[in-house]
Protein backbone atom coordinates (compact mmCIF):
# COMPACT_ATOMS: atom_id res chain seq x y z
CA MET A 1 -16.48 -48.98 36.94
CA HIS A 2 -14.30 -51.66 35.90
CA ILE A 3 -12.70 -54.63 37.74
CA ARG A 4 -9.05 -54.62 38.11
CA ALA A 5 -7.38 -57.20 35.73
CA GLY A 6 -5.59 -60.15 37.63
CA ILE A 7 -1.74 -60.73 37.60
CA ALA A 8 -1.76 -64.09 36.48
CA ASP A 9 -0.37 -65.25 32.88
CA TRP A 10 -2.94 -66.00 30.46
CA TYR A 11 -1.48 -69.66 29.97
CA LYS A 12 -0.57 -72.20 32.40
CA GLU A 13 2.35 -74.12 30.82
CA TRP A 14 5.44 -72.47 29.31
CA GLN A 15 5.67 -74.95 26.66
CA VAL A 16 2.95 -72.90 24.71
CA ILE A 17 5.65 -70.58 23.56
CA TYR A 18 7.06 -73.01 21.11
CA TYR A 19 3.61 -72.94 19.46
CA LEU A 20 3.95 -69.23 19.03
CA ILE A 21 7.64 -69.47 17.90
CA ASN A 22 7.13 -72.34 15.25
CA SER A 23 3.65 -71.05 13.91
CA LYS A 24 3.94 -71.00 10.31
CA GLU A 25 0.64 -69.39 9.93
CA ASN A 26 0.46 -66.75 7.34
CA ILE A 27 -2.24 -64.21 7.79
CA VAL A 28 -3.24 -62.46 4.72
CA GLY A 29 -6.33 -60.56 5.75
CA GLU A 30 -8.00 -57.53 4.46
CA ILE A 31 -7.21 -55.40 7.69
CA LYS A 32 -5.32 -52.82 5.71
CA HIS A 33 -8.12 -52.43 3.03
CA GLU A 34 -10.89 -52.19 6.04
CA TYR A 35 -8.58 -49.80 8.08
CA CYS A 36 -8.25 -47.25 5.23
CA LYS A 37 -12.13 -47.55 4.52
CA THR A 38 -12.83 -46.87 8.05
CA LEU A 39 -10.50 -43.85 7.94
CA GLU A 40 -12.44 -42.52 5.02
CA ARG A 41 -15.62 -42.95 6.82
CA LEU A 42 -14.26 -40.80 9.53
CA GLU A 43 -12.58 -38.14 7.48
CA PHE A 44 -15.89 -37.42 5.20
CA PRO A 45 -17.99 -36.16 8.14
CA ALA A 46 -15.03 -34.04 9.61
CA ILE A 47 -14.26 -32.48 6.27
CA THR A 48 -17.78 -31.68 5.79
CA LYS A 49 -18.29 -30.06 9.21
CA LYS A 50 -15.18 -28.06 8.69
CA ALA A 51 -16.59 -26.85 5.23
CA ILE A 52 -20.14 -26.12 6.51
CA SER A 53 -18.56 -24.06 9.48
CA ARG A 54 -16.79 -21.77 7.04
CA LEU A 55 -19.94 -20.97 5.46
CA ASP A 56 -21.40 -19.61 8.71
């Protein structure tokens, strides 16, 4: 059983919004590549199971 989340904000000072708005951070990650590889890993067993079940 999970504990119900609180209603409070995750920050205390409203000025933090300026950091989020003015952030010039350019995130160039491999998330798309990793996402596609994960999908491939999930698809292979599903396709294999479907092919094997047709043989029965």
